[in-house]
N, C-alpha and C. Protein backbone atom coordinates (compact mmCIF):
# COMPACT_ATOMS: atom_id res chain seq x y z
N MET A 1 59.14 -8.75 -33.02
CA MET A 1 58.97 -7.07 -33.07
C MET A 1 59.34 -7.14 -31.52
N SER A 2 59.93 -5.73 -30.88
CA SER A 2 60.30 -4.58 -30.02
C SER A 2 59.85 -4.12 -29.43
N ALA A 3 59.85 -3.74 -28.57
CA ALA A 3 58.61 -3.05 -27.60
C ALA A 3 59.05 -2.70 -26.44
N ALA A 4 59.19 -1.31 -26.03
CA ALA A 4 59.03 -1.03 -24.68
C ALA A 4 57.99 -1.84 -24.06
N ALA A 5 58.47 -2.33 -22.81
CA ALA A 5 57.85 -3.19 -22.07
C ALA A 5 56.74 -2.13 -20.58
N ALA A 6 56.65 -1.59 -21.14
CA ALA A 6 56.32 -0.72 -19.78
C ALA A 6 55.01 0.33 -20.21
N ALA A 7 55.59 1.01 -21.99
CA ALA A 7 54.73 1.51 -22.33
C ALA A 7 53.92 0.87 -22.90
N PHE A 8 53.98 -0.82 -23.60
CA PHE A 8 52.64 -1.71 -24.14
C PHE A 8 51.48 -2.44 -23.13
N LEU A 9 52.19 -2.33 -22.27
CA LEU A 9 51.28 -3.04 -20.83
C LEU A 9 50.48 -1.74 -20.09
N THR A 10 51.08 -0.35 -20.48
CA THR A 10 50.19 1.03 -20.23
C THR A 10 48.90 0.69 -21.09
N VAL A 11 49.66 0.69 -22.40
CA VAL A 11 48.88 1.15 -23.10
C VAL A 11 47.68 -0.16 -23.44
N VAL A 12 48.38 -1.69 -23.21
CA VAL A 12 47.05 -2.75 -23.48
C VAL A 12 45.97 -2.79 -22.19
N ARG A 13 46.79 -2.31 -21.12
CA ARG A 13 45.22 -2.54 -19.99
C ARG A 13 44.32 -0.32 -20.34
N ARG A 14 44.67 0.21 -21.11
CA ARG A 14 44.07 1.07 -21.51
C ARG A 14 42.71 1.00 -22.84
N VAL A 15 43.68 0.52 -23.83
CA VAL A 15 42.64 0.27 -24.60
C VAL A 15 41.97 -0.91 -24.38
N SER A 16 42.62 -1.93 -23.06
CA SER A 16 41.59 -2.69 -23.26
C SER A 16 39.96 -2.12 -22.47
N LEU A 17 40.24 -1.52 -21.47
CA LEU A 17 38.71 -0.59 -20.86
C LEU A 17 37.79 -0.55 -21.83
N PHE A 18 38.15 -0.65 -23.76
CA PHE A 18 36.65 -0.58 -24.06
C PHE A 18 36.61 -1.21 -25.04
N SER A 19 37.33 -3.48 -24.84
CA SER A 19 37.07 -4.04 -25.27
C SER A 19 36.21 -4.52 -25.08
N ASP A 20 35.25 -5.42 -26.27
CA ASP A 20 33.77 -5.98 -25.08
C ASP A 20 34.21 -6.98 -23.83
N PRO A 21 33.24 -6.66 -23.27
CA PRO A 21 33.51 -8.07 -22.20
C PRO A 21 33.26 -9.41 -22.28
N SER A 22 33.15 -9.33 -23.07
CA SER A 22 33.26 -11.57 -23.61
C SER A 22 33.86 -12.48 -23.54
N THR A 23 34.86 -11.04 -24.32
CA THR A 23 36.01 -11.71 -24.77
C THR A 23 37.54 -10.67 -25.15
N ALA A 24 37.43 -9.08 -24.52
CA ALA A 24 38.58 -8.86 -23.79
C ALA A 24 39.32 -8.42 -24.96
N ARG A 25 39.25 -9.21 -26.80
CA ARG A 25 39.64 -9.06 -27.27
C ARG A 25 40.14 -7.38 -27.98
N ILE A 26 41.04 -7.82 -27.31
CA ILE A 26 42.52 -6.64 -28.71
C ILE A 26 43.05 -6.22 -29.41
N GLN A 27 43.14 -5.94 -30.66
CA GLN A 27 43.84 -5.87 -32.36
C GLN A 27 45.20 -5.14 -32.48
N LEU A 28 45.84 -5.80 -32.92
CA LEU A 28 47.07 -4.95 -32.72
C LEU A 28 48.01 -5.01 -34.22
N ALA A 29 47.45 -4.24 -34.62
CA ALA A 29 47.80 -3.71 -36.20
C ALA A 29 49.56 -3.28 -36.62
N ILE A 30 50.60 -3.95 -36.76
CA ILE A 30 52.13 -4.14 -36.31
C ILE A 30 52.93 -3.63 -38.07
N ASP A 31 53.23 -2.58 -37.88
CA ASP A 31 54.20 -2.47 -39.24
C ASP A 31 55.87 -2.01 -38.30
N HIS A 32 57.01 -1.47 -39.85
CA HIS A 32 58.02 -2.09 -39.10
C HIS A 32 58.23 -0.41 -38.21
N ASP A 33 57.68 0.26 -38.12
CA ASP A 33 58.41 1.05 -36.86
C ASP A 33 56.44 1.88 -35.74
N SER A 34 55.82 1.13 -36.13
CA SER A 34 54.75 0.68 -34.33
C SER A 34 53.41 0.18 -34.96
N MET A 35 52.79 0.57 -33.51
CA MET A 35 51.54 -0.43 -33.30
C MET A 35 50.77 0.45 -33.10
N GLU A 36 49.47 0.09 -33.32
CA GLU A 36 48.74 0.31 -32.83
C GLU A 36 47.42 -0.56 -32.44
N LEU A 37 47.62 -0.41 -31.05
CA LEU A 37 46.87 -1.53 -30.67
C LEU A 37 45.71 -0.94 -30.62
N SER A 38 43.77 -1.23 -30.61
CA SER A 38 42.67 -0.80 -30.71
C SER A 38 41.02 -2.19 -30.53
N ALA A 39 40.44 -1.54 -29.53
CA ALA A 39 39.77 -2.32 -29.14
C ALA A 39 38.09 -1.87 -29.32
N HIS A 40 37.11 -2.61 -29.44
CA HIS A 40 35.29 -2.11 -29.90
C HIS A 40 34.53 -2.66 -29.08
N SER A 41 34.31 -1.92 -28.57
CA SER A 41 32.29 -3.30 -28.39
C SER A 41 31.06 -2.18 -28.38
N GLU A 42 30.21 -2.07 -28.35
CA GLU A 42 28.70 -1.78 -28.88
C GLU A 42 29.18 -0.82 -27.08
N GLU A 43 29.17 -1.62 -26.02
CA GLU A 43 29.25 -0.60 -24.85
C GLU A 43 29.68 0.86 -24.86
N TYR A 44 30.89 0.18 -24.52
CA TYR A 44 32.27 1.50 -24.36
C TYR A 44 31.65 2.15 -26.39
N GLY A 45 32.35 1.93 -27.13
CA GLY A 45 33.07 2.58 -28.55
C GLY A 45 34.21 2.14 -28.79
N ASP A 46 35.27 2.51 -28.60
CA ASP A 46 36.72 2.45 -29.41
C ASP A 46 37.54 3.20 -28.80
N ALA A 47 38.75 2.64 -28.73
CA ALA A 47 39.85 2.33 -28.85
C ALA A 47 40.55 2.98 -29.53
N ARG A 48 41.59 3.57 -29.76
CA ARG A 48 43.54 3.47 -30.50
C ARG A 48 43.86 3.79 -30.08
N GLU A 49 45.67 3.14 -29.77
CA GLU A 49 46.21 3.93 -29.16
C GLU A 49 47.85 2.66 -30.18
N GLU A 50 48.97 4.35 -30.32
CA GLU A 50 49.94 3.99 -31.21
C GLU A 50 50.86 3.82 -30.51
N ILE A 51 52.10 2.93 -30.61
CA ILE A 51 53.51 3.55 -29.65
C ILE A 51 54.44 2.64 -30.75
N PRO A 52 55.57 3.40 -30.82
CA PRO A 52 57.02 2.42 -31.29
C PRO A 52 57.66 1.44 -31.03
N VAL A 53 57.29 0.94 -31.88
CA VAL A 53 58.08 -0.83 -32.09
C VAL A 53 59.31 -0.95 -33.54
N THR A 54 59.88 -1.67 -33.37
CA THR A 54 60.62 -2.15 -34.12
C THR A 54 60.43 -3.46 -34.18
N SER A 55 59.73 -3.87 -36.26
CA SER A 55 59.53 -5.33 -36.39
C SER A 55 59.82 -5.27 -37.37
N SER A 56 60.18 -6.09 -38.26
CA SER A 56 61.35 -6.60 -39.10
C SER A 56 59.67 -6.73 -40.24
N ASP A 57 58.64 -7.45 -40.23
CA ASP A 57 57.19 -7.13 -40.66
C ASP A 57 56.01 -6.76 -40.32
N ALA A 58 55.64 -6.11 -41.16
CA ALA A 58 53.57 -6.29 -41.20
C ALA A 58 53.27 -7.19 -41.08
N ILE A 59 52.07 -6.77 -40.01
CA ILE A 59 51.25 -7.85 -39.54
C ILE A 59 50.36 -7.82 -38.91
N THR A 60 48.50 -7.90 -38.49
CA THR A 60 47.89 -7.73 -37.45
C THR A 60 47.14 -8.79 -36.89
N LEU A 61 46.78 -9.20 -36.04
CA LEU A 61 46.24 -9.88 -35.03
C LEU A 61 45.02 -9.65 -34.15
N ALA A 62 44.76 -10.68 -33.07
CA ALA A 62 44.40 -10.00 -31.38
C ALA A 62 44.25 -11.00 -30.94
N PHE A 63 44.76 -10.08 -29.03
CA PHE A 63 45.21 -10.77 -28.16
C PHE A 63 43.66 -10.91 -26.84
N ASN A 64 43.29 -11.65 -26.32
CA ASN A 64 42.94 -11.71 -24.96
C ASN A 64 43.82 -10.54 -24.39
N ALA A 65 43.39 -9.08 -23.72
CA ALA A 65 43.63 -8.55 -23.09
C ALA A 65 44.43 -8.88 -22.19
N GLY A 66 43.80 -9.84 -21.04
CA GLY A 66 44.36 -10.53 -19.78
C GLY A 66 45.11 -11.20 -20.20
N TYR A 67 45.27 -12.04 -21.15
CA TYR A 67 46.56 -13.30 -21.25
C TYR A 67 47.46 -12.28 -21.52
N LEU A 68 47.20 -11.29 -22.43
CA LEU A 68 48.54 -10.24 -22.47
C LEU A 68 49.33 -9.16 -21.48
N THR A 69 48.20 -8.51 -20.43
CA THR A 69 48.10 -8.01 -19.59
C THR A 69 49.02 -9.02 -18.70
N ASP A 70 48.53 -9.48 -18.32
CA ASP A 70 49.59 -11.16 -17.15
C ASP A 70 51.18 -11.93 -18.13
N ALA A 71 51.53 -11.23 -18.89
CA ALA A 71 52.10 -12.30 -19.15
C ALA A 71 53.29 -10.56 -19.61
N LEU A 72 53.11 -9.46 -19.52
CA LEU A 72 53.68 -8.07 -19.60
C LEU A 72 53.72 -7.66 -18.23
N SER A 73 53.08 -8.41 -17.66
CA SER A 73 53.45 -7.76 -15.96
C SER A 73 54.25 -8.91 -15.51
N SER A 74 54.41 -9.64 -16.14
CA SER A 74 55.18 -10.44 -15.62
C SER A 74 56.81 -10.70 -15.46
N MET A 75 56.93 -9.64 -16.55
CA MET A 75 58.80 -9.46 -16.94
C MET A 75 59.24 -8.23 -16.49
N ASP A 76 59.98 -8.42 -16.19
CA ASP A 76 61.07 -7.11 -15.57
C ASP A 76 62.14 -6.84 -16.34
N SER A 77 61.60 -6.61 -17.22
CA SER A 77 62.57 -6.03 -18.20
C SER A 77 62.16 -4.83 -19.00
N GLU A 78 63.37 -3.83 -19.35
CA GLU A 78 63.17 -2.67 -20.16
C GLU A 78 61.95 -2.41 -21.33
N HIS A 79 62.73 -3.40 -22.48
CA HIS A 79 61.40 -4.19 -23.39
C HIS A 79 61.76 -5.48 -23.45
N VAL A 80 60.42 -6.10 -23.93
CA VAL A 80 59.65 -7.18 -24.66
C VAL A 80 59.56 -7.09 -25.74
N ARG A 81 60.68 -9.07 -26.47
CA ARG A 81 60.45 -8.92 -27.96
C ARG A 81 59.18 -9.69 -28.09
N VAL A 82 57.72 -9.45 -28.85
CA VAL A 82 57.07 -10.14 -29.41
C VAL A 82 57.93 -11.22 -30.54
N GLU A 83 57.59 -13.10 -30.56
CA GLU A 83 57.92 -13.01 -31.77
C GLU A 83 56.64 -14.23 -32.25
N MET A 84 56.53 -13.72 -33.25
CA MET A 84 55.42 -14.40 -34.36
C MET A 84 55.24 -14.44 -35.62
N LYS A 85 54.44 -15.52 -36.30
CA LYS A 85 54.79 -16.11 -37.78
C LYS A 85 53.38 -15.60 -38.59
N ASP A 86 52.17 -16.20 -37.83
CA ASP A 86 51.58 -15.23 -38.54
C ASP A 86 49.99 -15.05 -37.67
N PRO A 87 48.92 -14.94 -38.28
CA PRO A 87 47.80 -14.17 -37.18
C PRO A 87 46.89 -15.42 -36.35
N LEU A 88 46.91 -16.19 -37.05
CA LEU A 88 46.36 -17.60 -36.09
C LEU A 88 47.40 -18.30 -35.70
N ALA A 89 49.11 -18.38 -35.43
CA ALA A 89 50.46 -18.83 -34.52
C ALA A 89 50.42 -18.95 -32.94
N ALA A 90 50.59 -19.37 -32.24
CA ALA A 90 51.16 -18.55 -30.66
C ALA A 90 52.73 -17.39 -31.19
N ALA A 91 51.63 -16.65 -30.51
CA ALA A 91 53.11 -15.43 -30.11
C ALA A 91 54.12 -15.36 -28.27
N VAL A 92 54.87 -15.72 -28.70
CA VAL A 92 56.46 -16.40 -27.79
C VAL A 92 56.91 -14.31 -27.62
N LEU A 93 56.65 -14.35 -25.93
CA LEU A 93 56.99 -13.75 -25.42
C LEU A 93 57.60 -13.36 -24.30
N ARG A 94 58.55 -12.62 -25.20
CA ARG A 94 60.53 -12.42 -23.63
C ARG A 94 61.04 -11.44 -23.76
N PRO A 95 61.76 -11.11 -22.31
CA PRO A 95 62.13 -10.18 -22.42
C PRO A 95 63.64 -9.90 -23.21
N THR A 96 63.54 -8.84 -23.34
CA THR A 96 65.35 -8.87 -24.61
C THR A 96 66.71 -9.67 -23.41
N ASP A 97 66.13 -8.53 -21.96
CA ASP A 97 67.86 -8.71 -21.47
C ASP A 97 67.73 -9.57 -20.76
N ARG A 98 66.88 -10.73 -20.69
CA ARG A 98 66.81 -12.21 -19.78
C ARG A 98 66.64 -12.71 -21.02
N GLY A 99 66.62 -14.36 -20.30
CA GLY A 99 66.26 -15.45 -20.86
C GLY A 99 65.59 -16.66 -20.37
N ASP A 100 65.18 -15.62 -18.82
CA ASP A 100 64.84 -16.84 -18.21
C ASP A 100 63.21 -17.26 -18.23
N THR A 101 62.67 -15.87 -19.18
CA THR A 101 60.65 -15.96 -19.30
C THR A 101 60.39 -15.75 -20.02
N THR A 102 59.75 -16.82 -20.60
CA THR A 102 58.83 -17.17 -22.10
C THR A 102 57.66 -17.24 -21.39
N HIS A 103 56.49 -16.61 -22.81
CA HIS A 103 55.70 -16.77 -22.96
C HIS A 103 54.61 -17.45 -23.72
N LEU A 104 53.39 -18.38 -23.37
CA LEU A 104 52.40 -18.36 -25.49
C LEU A 104 51.88 -18.20 -24.80
N ILE A 105 50.99 -17.23 -26.21
CA ILE A 105 50.23 -16.31 -26.27
C ILE A 105 49.36 -17.50 -27.52
N MET A 106 47.87 -17.65 -27.67
CA MET A 106 47.44 -18.05 -28.90
C MET A 106 46.28 -16.53 -28.91
N PRO A 107 46.51 -16.45 -30.35
CA PRO A 107 45.88 -15.34 -30.78
C PRO A 107 44.56 -15.70 -31.09
N MET A 108 43.72 -14.95 -31.12
CA MET A 108 42.03 -14.86 -31.20
C MET A 108 41.76 -14.81 -33.06
N ARG A 109 40.97 -14.72 -33.11
CA ARG A 109 40.52 -14.59 -34.50
C ARG A 109 40.56 -12.86 -35.03
N LEU A 110 40.92 -12.48 -35.79
CA LEU A 110 40.48 -11.56 -36.18
C LEU A 110 39.09 -11.50 -37.13
N GLY A 111 37.89 -10.45 -36.97
CA GLY A 111 36.99 -10.90 -37.56
C GLY A 111 35.62 -9.63 -36.65
């Protein structure tokens, strides 16, 4: 999957405000041309936002918003590439225009 790095980071930060403080979990539902980011907590309610992406597969997975924010914040690139196999395998984040930065993030269980 490939996405605009600044838009991805902005939406992660905004949606994470509604995540459960104990887990900071946000869910990513990726389709071929869009990604919906969502979070839920009993205290704060629900948040959902969608951004355009390019993806060859559809997949739904969840991440700790803090880890995702840290990885995206450290990349000085216009676009970011996210490589993932399945909802329980590690995801690799890389800038599309440089090969000197790689982040590995473990997803959280859905449910």
